[in-house]
């Protein structure tokens, strides 16, 4: 299970709003890269991804990713045990 701090929720909402201006159907995917979760935009889910509610949006995350997601400087998303 993933949980999101308020800062992470705000960062993801900002990323999603930026994409939605150009493509209202854009979806947000979080891709693990070490301790980071890097946001990418996509049109559809792929096998092995689950939808996770974050505030008023949903994001796609690989099944099995767990921890606390926070946003730091420049909205870099990190995930830690928690």
PDB file of N, CA and C in Angstrom:
ATOM      1  N   UNK A   1       0.839  -1.182   0.000  1.00  0.00           N
ATOM      2  CA  UNK A   1       0.000   0.000   0.000  1.00  0.00           C
ATOM      3  C   UNK A   1       0.885   1.247   0.000  1.00  0.00           C
ATOM      4  N   UNK A   2       0.484   2.232  -0.757  1.00  0.00           N
ATOM      5  CA  UNK A   2       1.178   3.517  -0.775  1.00  0.00           C
ATOM      6  C   UNK A   2       0.346   4.551  -0.045  1.00  0.00           C
ATOM      7  N   UNK A   3       1.031   5.396   0.701  1.00  0.00           N
ATOM      8  CA  UNK A   3       0.397   6.557   1.296  1.00  0.00           C
ATOM      9  C   UNK A   3       1.157   7.782   0.807  1.00  0.00           C
ATOM     10  N   UNK A   4       0.476   8.902   0.740  1.00  0.00           N
ATOM     11  CA  UNK A   4       1.037  10.114   0.161  1.00  0.00           C
ATOM     12  C   UNK A   4       0.949  11.268   1.150  1.00  0.00           C
ATOM     13  N   UNK A   5       2.058  11.983   1.321  1.00  0.00           N
ATOM     14  CA  UNK A   5       2.030  13.188   2.142  1.00  0.00           C
ATOM     15  C   UNK A   5       1.252  14.265   1.391  1.00  0.00           C
ATOM     16  N   UNK A   6       0.896  15.319   2.093  1.00  0.00           N
ATOM     17  CA  UNK A   6       0.214  16.438   1.439  1.00  0.00           C
ATOM     18  C   UNK A   6       1.083  17.034   0.333  1.00  0.00           C
ATOM     19  N   UNK A   7       2.400  17.123   0.565  1.00  0.00           N
ATOM     20  CA  UNK A   7       3.304  17.672  -0.462  1.00  0.00           C
ATOM     21  C   UNK A   7       3.308  16.795  -1.705  1.00  0.00           C
ATOM     22  N   UNK A   8       3.318  15.473  -1.527  1.00  0.00           N
ATOM     23  CA  UNK A   8       3.292  14.564  -2.674  1.00  0.00           C
ATOM     24  C   UNK A   8       1.968  14.680  -3.422  1.00  0.00           C
ATOM     25  N   UNK A   9       0.878  14.776  -2.683  1.00  0.00           N
ATOM     26  CA  UNK A   9      -0.442  14.935  -3.301  1.00  0.00           C
ATOM     27  C   UNK A   9      -0.494  16.215  -4.125  1.00  0.00           C
ATOM     28  N   UNK A  10       0.015  17.304  -3.577  1.00  0.00           N
ATOM     29  CA  UNK A  10       0.045  18.576  -4.309  1.00  0.00           C
ATOM     30  C   UNK A  10       0.898  18.477  -5.564  1.00  0.00           C
ATOM     31  N   UNK A  11       2.063  17.838  -5.455  1.00  0.00           N
ATOM     32  CA  UNK A  11       2.958  17.691  -6.615  1.00  0.00           C
ATOM     33  C   UNK A  11       2.276  16.884  -7.711  1.00  0.00           C
ATOM     34  N   UNK A  12       1.644  15.771  -7.354  1.00  0.00           N
ATOM     35  CA  UNK A  12       0.974  14.939  -8.348  1.00  0.00           C
ATOM     36  C   UNK A  12      -0.202  15.667  -8.984  1.00  0.00           C
ATOM     37  N   UNK A  13      -0.932  16.434  -8.198  1.00  0.00           N
ATOM     38  CA  UNK A  13      -2.041  17.226  -8.756  1.00  0.00           C
ATOM     39  C   UNK A  13      -1.519  18.254  -9.752  1.00  0.00           C
ATOM     40  N   UNK A  14      -0.374  18.846  -9.459  1.00  0.00           N
ATOM     41  CA  UNK A  14       0.240  19.815 -10.370  1.00  0.00           C
ATOM     42  C   UNK A  14       0.667  19.150 -11.666  1.00  0.00           C
ATOM     43  N   UNK A  15       1.333  17.983 -11.561  1.00  0.00           N
ATOM     44  CA  UNK A  15       1.754  17.246 -12.758  1.00  0.00           C
ATOM     45  C   UNK A  15       0.544  16.896 -13.620  1.00  0.00           C
ATOM     46  N   UNK A  16      -0.508  16.391 -12.973  1.00  0.00           N
ATOM     47  CA  UNK A  16      -1.690  15.967 -13.705  1.00  0.00           C
ATOM     48  C   UNK A  16      -2.390  17.151 -14.367  1.00  0.00           C
ATOM     49  N   UNK A  17      -2.515  18.256 -13.659  1.00  0.00           N
ATOM     50  CA  UNK A  17      -3.176  19.440 -14.222  1.00  0.00           C
ATOM     51  C   UNK A  17      -2.432  19.955 -15.446  1.00  0.00           C
ATOM     52  N   UNK A  18      -1.108  19.908 -15.411  1.00  0.00           N
ATOM     53  CA  UNK A  18      -0.317  20.360 -16.562  1.00  0.00           C
ATOM     54  C   UNK A  18      -0.584  19.488 -17.775  1.00  0.00           C
ATOM     55  N   UNK A  19      -0.634  18.194 -17.585  1.00  0.00           N
ATOM     56  CA  UNK A  19      -0.888  17.287 -18.711  1.00  0.00           C
ATOM     57  C   UNK A  19      -2.315  17.428 -19.222  1.00  0.00           C
ATOM     58  N   UNK A  20      -3.263  17.591 -18.308  1.00  0.00           N
ATOM     59  CA  UNK A  20      -4.669  17.665 -18.697  1.00  0.00           C
ATOM     60  C   UNK A  20      -4.981  18.896 -19.535  1.00  0.00           C
ATOM     61  N   UNK A  21      -4.155  19.940 -19.417  1.00  0.00           N
ATOM     62  CA  UNK A  21      -4.377  21.115 -20.265  1.00  0.00           C
ATOM     63  C   UNK A  21      -4.197  20.763 -21.738  1.00  0.00           C
ATOM     64  N   UNK A  22      -3.282  19.857 -22.028  1.00  0.00           N
ATOM     65  CA  UNK A  22      -2.995  19.469 -23.410  1.00  0.00           C
ATOM     66  C   UNK A  22      -3.787  18.254 -23.840  1.00  0.00           C
ATOM     67  N   UNK A  23      -4.002  17.332 -22.913  1.00  0.00           N
ATOM     68  CA  UNK A  23      -4.720  16.099 -23.220  1.00  0.00           C
ATOM     69  C   UNK A  23      -5.576  15.725 -22.008  1.00  0.00           C
ATOM     70  N   UNK A  24      -6.857  16.057 -22.034  1.00  0.00           N
ATOM     71  CA  UNK A  24      -7.709  15.791 -20.877  1.00  0.00           C
ATOM     72  C   UNK A  24      -7.787  14.319 -20.474  1.00  0.00           C
ATOM     73  N   UNK A  25      -7.439  13.410 -21.382  1.00  0.00           N
ATOM     74  CA  UNK A  25      -7.501  11.983 -21.049  1.00  0.00           C
ATOM     75  C   UNK A  25      -6.156  11.431 -20.567  1.00  0.00           C
ATOM     76  N   UNK A  26      -5.149  12.276 -20.422  1.00  0.00           N
ATOM     77  CA  UNK A  26      -3.821  11.811 -19.986  1.00  0.00           C
ATOM     78  C   UNK A  26      -3.904  11.183 -18.602  1.00  0.00           C
ATOM     79  N   UNK A  27      -3.160  10.101 -18.429  1.00  0.00           N
ATOM     80  CA  UNK A  27      -3.078   9.413 -17.142  1.00  0.00           C
ATOM     81  C   UNK A  27      -1.671   9.581 -16.600  1.00  0.00           C
ATOM     82  N   UNK A  28      -1.541   9.511 -15.312  1.00  0.00           N
ATOM     83  CA  UNK A  28      -0.250   9.663 -14.652  1.00  0.00           C
ATOM     84  C   UNK A  28       0.204   8.304 -14.124  1.00  0.00           C
ATOM     85  N   UNK A  29       1.437   7.942 -14.451  1.00  0.00           N
ATOM     86  CA  UNK A  29       2.042   6.691 -14.006  1.00  0.00           C
ATOM     87  C   UNK A  29       3.247   7.045 -13.138  1.00  0.00           C
ATOM     88  N   UNK A  30       3.452   6.309 -12.051  1.00  0.00           N
ATOM     89  CA  UNK A  30       4.635   6.473 -11.212  1.00  0.00           C
ATOM     90  C   UNK A  30       5.549   5.278 -11.432  1.00  0.00           C
ATOM     91  N   UNK A  31       6.777   5.559 -11.857  1.00  0.00           N
ATOM     92  CA  UNK A  31       7.737   4.511 -12.191  1.00  0.00           C
ATOM     93  C   UNK A  31       8.846   4.501 -11.148  1.00  0.00           C
ATOM     94  N   UNK A  32       9.048   3.367 -10.451  1.00  0.00           N
ATOM     95  CA  UNK A  32      10.119   3.304  -9.458  1.00  0.00           C
ATOM     96  C   UNK A  32      11.492   3.431 -10.110  1.00  0.00           C
ATOM     97  N   UNK A  33      12.348   4.214  -9.478  1.00  0.00           N
ATOM     98  CA  UNK A  33      13.737   4.378  -9.907  1.00  0.00           C
ATOM     99  C   UNK A  33      14.553   4.591  -8.635  1.00  0.00           C
ATOM    100  N   UNK A  34      15.073   3.498  -8.084  1.00  0.00           N
ATOM    101  CA  UNK A  34      15.735   3.578  -6.789  1.00  0.00           C
ATOM    102  C   UNK A  34      14.728   3.975  -5.732  1.00  0.00           C
ATOM    103  N   UNK A  35      15.042   5.002  -4.954  1.00  0.00           N
ATOM    104  CA  UNK A  35      14.132   5.489  -3.907  1.00  0.00           C
ATOM    105  C   UNK A  35      13.133   6.508  -4.441  1.00  0.00           C
ATOM    106  N   UNK A  36      13.213   6.814  -5.741  1.00  0.00           N
ATOM    107  CA  UNK A  36      12.302   7.789  -6.341  1.00  0.00           C
ATOM    108  C   UNK A  36      11.159   7.107  -7.067  1.00  0.00           C
ATOM    109  N   UNK A  37      10.072   7.831  -7.208  1.00  0.00           N
ATOM    110  CA  UNK A  37       8.974   7.457  -8.094  1.00  0.00           C
ATOM    111  C   UNK A  37       8.888   8.564  -9.130  1.00  0.00           C
ATOM    112  N   UNK A  38       9.213   8.234 -10.350  1.00  0.00           N
ATOM    113  CA  UNK A  38       9.219   9.247 -11.412  1.00  0.00           C
ATOM    114  C   UNK A  38       7.879   9.261 -12.140  1.00  0.00           C
ATOM    115  N   UNK A  39       7.267  10.443 -12.243  1.00  0.00           N
ATOM    116  CA  UNK A  39       5.983  10.533 -12.937  1.00  0.00           C
ATOM    117  C   UNK A  39       6.174  10.509 -14.454  1.00  0.00           C
ATOM    118  N   UNK A  40       5.300   9.788 -15.110  1.00  0.00           N
ATOM    119  CA  UNK A  40       5.239   9.750 -16.575  1.00  0.00           C
ATOM    120  C   UNK A  40       3.779   9.886 -16.962  1.00  0.00           C
ATOM    121  N   UNK A  41       3.549  10.354 -18.168  1.00  0.00           N
ATOM    122  CA  UNK A  41       2.192  10.447 -18.670  1.00  0.00           C
ATOM    123  C   UNK A  41       1.944   9.321 -19.646  1.00  0.00           C
ATOM    124  N   UNK A  42       0.723   8.794 -19.620  1.00  0.00           N
ATOM    125  CA  UNK A  42       0.376   7.659 -20.448  1.00  0.00           C
ATOM    126  C   UNK A  42      -1.082   7.757 -20.870  1.00  0.00           C
ATOM    127  N   UNK A  43      -1.429   6.956 -21.850  1.00  0.00           N
ATOM    128  CA  UNK A  43      -2.819   6.896 -22.294  1.00  0.00           C
ATOM    129  C   UNK A  43      -3.594   5.775 -21.612  1.00  0.00           C
ATOM    130  N   UNK A  44      -2.868   4.726 -21.169  1.00  0.00           N
ATOM    131  CA  UNK A  44      -3.554   3.565 -20.608  1.00  0.00           C
ATOM    132  C   UNK A  44      -2.644   2.802 -19.665  1.00  0.00           C
ATOM    133  N   UNK A  45      -3.263   1.994 -18.832  1.00  0.00           N
ATOM    134  CA  UNK A  45      -2.520   1.139 -17.906  1.00  0.00           C
ATOM    135  C   UNK A  45      -1.892  -0.027 -18.671  1.00  0.00           C
ATOM    136  N   UNK A  46      -0.841  -0.585 -18.100  1.00  0.00           N
ATOM    137  CA  UNK A  46      -0.223  -1.795 -18.635  1.00  0.00           C
ATOM    138  C   UNK A  46      -0.397  -2.912 -17.612  1.00  0.00           C
ATOM    139  N   UNK A  47      -0.172  -4.148 -18.049  1.00  0.00           N
ATOM    140  CA  UNK A  47      -0.302  -5.287 -17.141  1.00  0.00           C
ATOM    141  C   UNK A  47       0.584  -5.101 -15.921  1.00  0.00           C
ATOM    142  N   UNK A  48       0.055  -5.434 -14.766  1.00  0.00           N
ATOM    143  CA  UNK A  48       0.814  -5.346 -13.530  1.00  0.00           C
ATOM    144  C   UNK A  48       0.715  -4.013 -12.821  1.00  0.00           C
ATOM    145  N   UNK A  49      -0.076  -3.097 -13.347  1.00  0.00           N
ATOM    146  CA  UNK A  49      -0.256  -1.804 -12.689  1.00  0.00           C
ATOM    147  C   UNK A  49      -1.590  -1.782 -11.952  1.00  0.00           C
ATOM    148  N   UNK A  50      -1.615  -1.023 -10.881  1.00  0.00           N
ATOM    149  CA  UNK A  50      -2.850  -0.825 -10.124  1.00  0.00           C
ATOM    150  C   UNK A  50      -3.140   0.667 -10.057  1.00  0.00           C
ATOM    151  N   UNK A  51      -4.398   1.011  -9.908  1.00  0.00           N
ATOM    152  CA  UNK A  51      -4.796   2.408  -9.742  1.00  0.00           C
ATOM    153  C   UNK A  51      -4.790   2.746  -8.257  1.00  0.00           C
ATOM    154  N   UNK A  52      -4.212   3.887  -7.934  1.00  0.00           N
ATOM    155  CA  UNK A  52      -4.152   4.355  -6.553  1.00  0.00           C
ATOM    156  C   UNK A  52      -4.751   5.759  -6.512  1.00  0.00           C
ATOM    157  N   UNK A  53      -5.691   5.977  -5.609  1.00  0.00           N
ATOM    158  CA  UNK A  53      -6.294   7.297  -5.439  1.00  0.00           C
ATOM    159  C   UNK A  53      -5.327   8.197  -4.676  1.00  0.00           C
ATOM    160  N   UNK A  54      -5.112   9.387  -5.241  1.00  0.00           N
ATOM    161  CA  UNK A  54      -4.266  10.403  -4.601  1.00  0.00           C
ATOM    162  C   UNK A  54      -5.041  11.710  -4.677  1.00  0.00           C
ATOM    163  N   UNK A  55      -5.624  12.109  -3.565  1.00  0.00           N
ATOM    164  CA  UNK A  55      -6.464  13.300  -3.598  1.00  0.00           C
ATOM    165  C   UNK A  55      -7.616  13.080  -4.562  1.00  0.00           C
ATOM    166  N   UNK A  56      -7.776  13.980  -5.511  1.00  0.00           N
ATOM    167  CA  UNK A  56      -8.886  13.904  -6.466  1.00  0.00           C
ATOM    168  C   UNK A  56      -8.526  13.204  -7.771  1.00  0.00           C
ATOM    169  N   UNK A  57      -7.308  12.659  -7.865  1.00  0.00           N
ATOM    170  CA  UNK A  57      -6.892  11.959  -9.090  1.00  0.00           C
ATOM    171  C   UNK A  57      -6.526  10.522  -8.757  1.00  0.00           C
ATOM    172  N   UNK A  58      -6.366   9.710  -9.801  1.00  0.00           N
ATOM    173  CA  UNK A  58      -5.826   8.367  -9.631  1.00  0.00           C
ATOM    174  C   UNK A  58      -4.553   8.278 -10.437  1.00  0.00           C
ATOM    175  N   UNK A  59      -3.599   7.525  -9.921  1.00  0.00           N
ATOM    176  CA  UNK A  59      -2.331   7.310 -10.614  1.00  0.00           C
ATOM    177  C   UNK A  59      -2.132   5.813 -10.786  1.00  0.00           C
ATOM    178  N   UNK A  60      -1.330   5.460 -11.768  1.00  0.00           N
ATOM    179  CA  UNK A  60      -0.992   4.067 -12.028  1.00  0.00           C
ATOM    180  C   UNK A  60       0.364   3.770 -11.394  1.00  0.00           C
ATOM    181  N   UNK A  61       0.441   2.652 -10.675  1.00  0.00           N
ATOM    182  CA  UNK A  61       1.661   2.266  -9.978  1.00  0.00           C
ATOM    183  C   UNK A  61       1.839   0.767 -10.154  1.00  0.00           C
ATOM    184  N   UNK A  62       3.086   0.299 -10.351  1.00  0.00           N
ATOM    185  CA  UNK A  62       3.289  -1.146 -10.421  1.00  0.00           C
ATOM    186  C   UNK A  62       2.799  -1.819  -9.131  1.00  0.00           C
ATOM    187  N   UNK A  63       2.117  -2.953  -9.284  1.00  0.00           N
ATOM    188  CA  UNK A  63       1.651  -3.697  -8.118  1.00  0.00           C
ATOM    189  C   UNK A  63       2.846  -4.034  -7.236  1.00  0.00           C
ATOM    190  N   UNK A  64       2.658  -3.963  -5.936  1.00  0.00           N
ATOM    191  CA  UNK A  64       3.701  -4.328  -4.999  1.00  0.00           C
ATOM    192  C   UNK A  64       4.541  -3.173  -4.482  1.00  0.00           C
ATOM    193  N   UNK A  65       4.417  -1.996  -5.087  1.00  0.00           N
ATOM    194  CA  UNK A  65       5.159  -0.841  -4.579  1.00  0.00           C
ATOM    195  C   UNK A  65       4.462  -0.380  -3.311  1.00  0.00           C
ATOM    196  N   UNK A  66       5.246  -0.247  -2.236  1.00  0.00           N
ATOM    197  CA  UNK A  66       4.678   0.102  -0.936  1.00  0.00           C
ATOM    198  C   UNK A  66       5.519   1.178  -0.261  1.00  0.00           C
ATOM    199  N   UNK A  67       4.898   1.921   0.645  1.00  0.00           N
ATOM    200  CA  UNK A  67       5.628   2.891   1.443  1.00  0.00           C
ATOM    201  C   UNK A  67       4.951   4.244   1.478  1.00  0.00           C
ATOM    202  N   UNK A  68       5.686   5.198   2.036  1.00  0.00           N
ATOM    203  CA  UNK A  68       5.228   6.589   2.153  1.00  0.00           C
ATOM    204  C   UNK A  68       5.875   7.403   1.043  1.00  0.00           C
ATOM    205  N   UNK A  69       5.057   8.101   0.260  1.00  0.00           N
ATOM    206  CA  UNK A  69       5.556   8.933  -0.835  1.00  0.00           C
ATOM    207  C   UNK A  69       5.553  10.385  -0.365  1.00  0.00           C
ATOM    208  N   UNK A  70       6.688  11.048  -0.563  1.00  0.00           N
ATOM    209  CA  UNK A  70       6.824  12.454  -0.205  1.00  0.00           C
ATOM    210  C   UNK A  70       7.419  13.190  -1.403  1.00  0.00           C
ATOM    211  N   UNK A  71       7.244  14.492  -1.425  1.00  0.00           N
ATOM    212  CA  UNK A  71       7.821  15.331  -2.477  1.00  0.00           C
ATOM    213  C   UNK A  71       8.820  16.273  -1.829  1.00  0.00           C
ATOM    214  N   UNK A  72      10.000  16.319  -2.412  1.00  0.00           N
ATOM    215  CA  UNK A  72      11.033  17.200  -1.891  1.00  0.00           C
ATOM    216  C   UNK A  72      11.279  18.362  -2.828  1.00  0.00           C
ATOM    217  N   UNK A  73      12.513  18.808  -2.845  1.00  0.00           N
ATOM    218  CA  UNK A  73      12.906  19.923  -3.700  1.00  0.00           C
ATOM    219  C   UNK A  73      12.596  19.609  -5.157  1.00  0.00           C
ATOM    220  N   UNK A  74      12.064  20.572  -5.863  1.00  0.00           N
ATOM    221  CA  UNK A  74      11.681  20.448  -7.277  1.00  0.00           C
ATOM    222  C   UNK A  74      10.628  19.364  -7.497  1.00  0.00           C
ATOM    223  N   UNK A  75       9.844  19.070  -6.457  1.00  0.00           N
ATOM    224  CA  UNK A  75       8.774  18.064  -6.523  1.00  0.00           C
ATOM    225  C   UNK A  75       9.282  16.672  -6.879  1.00  0.00           C
ATOM    226  N   UNK A  76      10.515  16.344  -6.499  1.00  0.00           N
ATOM    227  CA  UNK A  76      11.034  14.994  -6.688  1.00  0.00           C
ATOM    228  C   UNK A  76      10.305  14.090  -5.700  1.00  0.00           C
ATOM    229  N   UNK A  77       9.682  13.034  -6.217  1.00  0.00           N
ATOM    230  CA  UNK A  77       8.931  12.121  -5.382  1.00  0.00           C
ATOM    231  C   UNK A  77       9.838  11.004  -4.878  1.00  0.00           C
ATOM    232  N   UNK A  78       9.807  10.760  -3.573  1.00  0.00           N
ATOM    233  CA  UNK A  78      10.584   9.674  -2.980  1.00  0.00           C
ATOM    234  C   UNK A  78       9.639   8.760  -2.219  1.00  0.00           C
ATOM    235  N   UNK A  79      10.013   7.494  -2.163  1.00  0.00           N
ATOM    236  CA  UNK A  79       9.215   6.535  -1.419  1.00  0.00           C
ATOM    237  C   UNK A  79      10.116   5.893  -0.360  1.00  0.00           C
ATOM    238  N   UNK A  80       9.583   5.808   0.842  1.00  0.00           N
ATOM    239  CA  UNK A  80      10.317   5.202   1.948  1.00  0.00           C
ATOM    240  C   UNK A  80       9.397   4.258   2.701  1.00  0.00           C
ATOM    241  N   UNK A  81       9.982   3.374   3.477  1.00  0.00           N
ATOM    242  CA  UNK A  81       9.172   2.447   4.274  1.00  0.00           C
ATOM    243  C   UNK A  81       8.305   3.275   5.213  1.00  0.00           C
ATOM    244  N   UNK A  82       7.099   2.836   5.371  1.00  0.00           N
ATOM    245  CA  UNK A  82       6.249   3.602   6.276  1.00  0.00           C
ATOM    246  C   UNK A  82       4.834   3.239   6.255  1.00  0.00           C
TER     247      UNK A  82
END
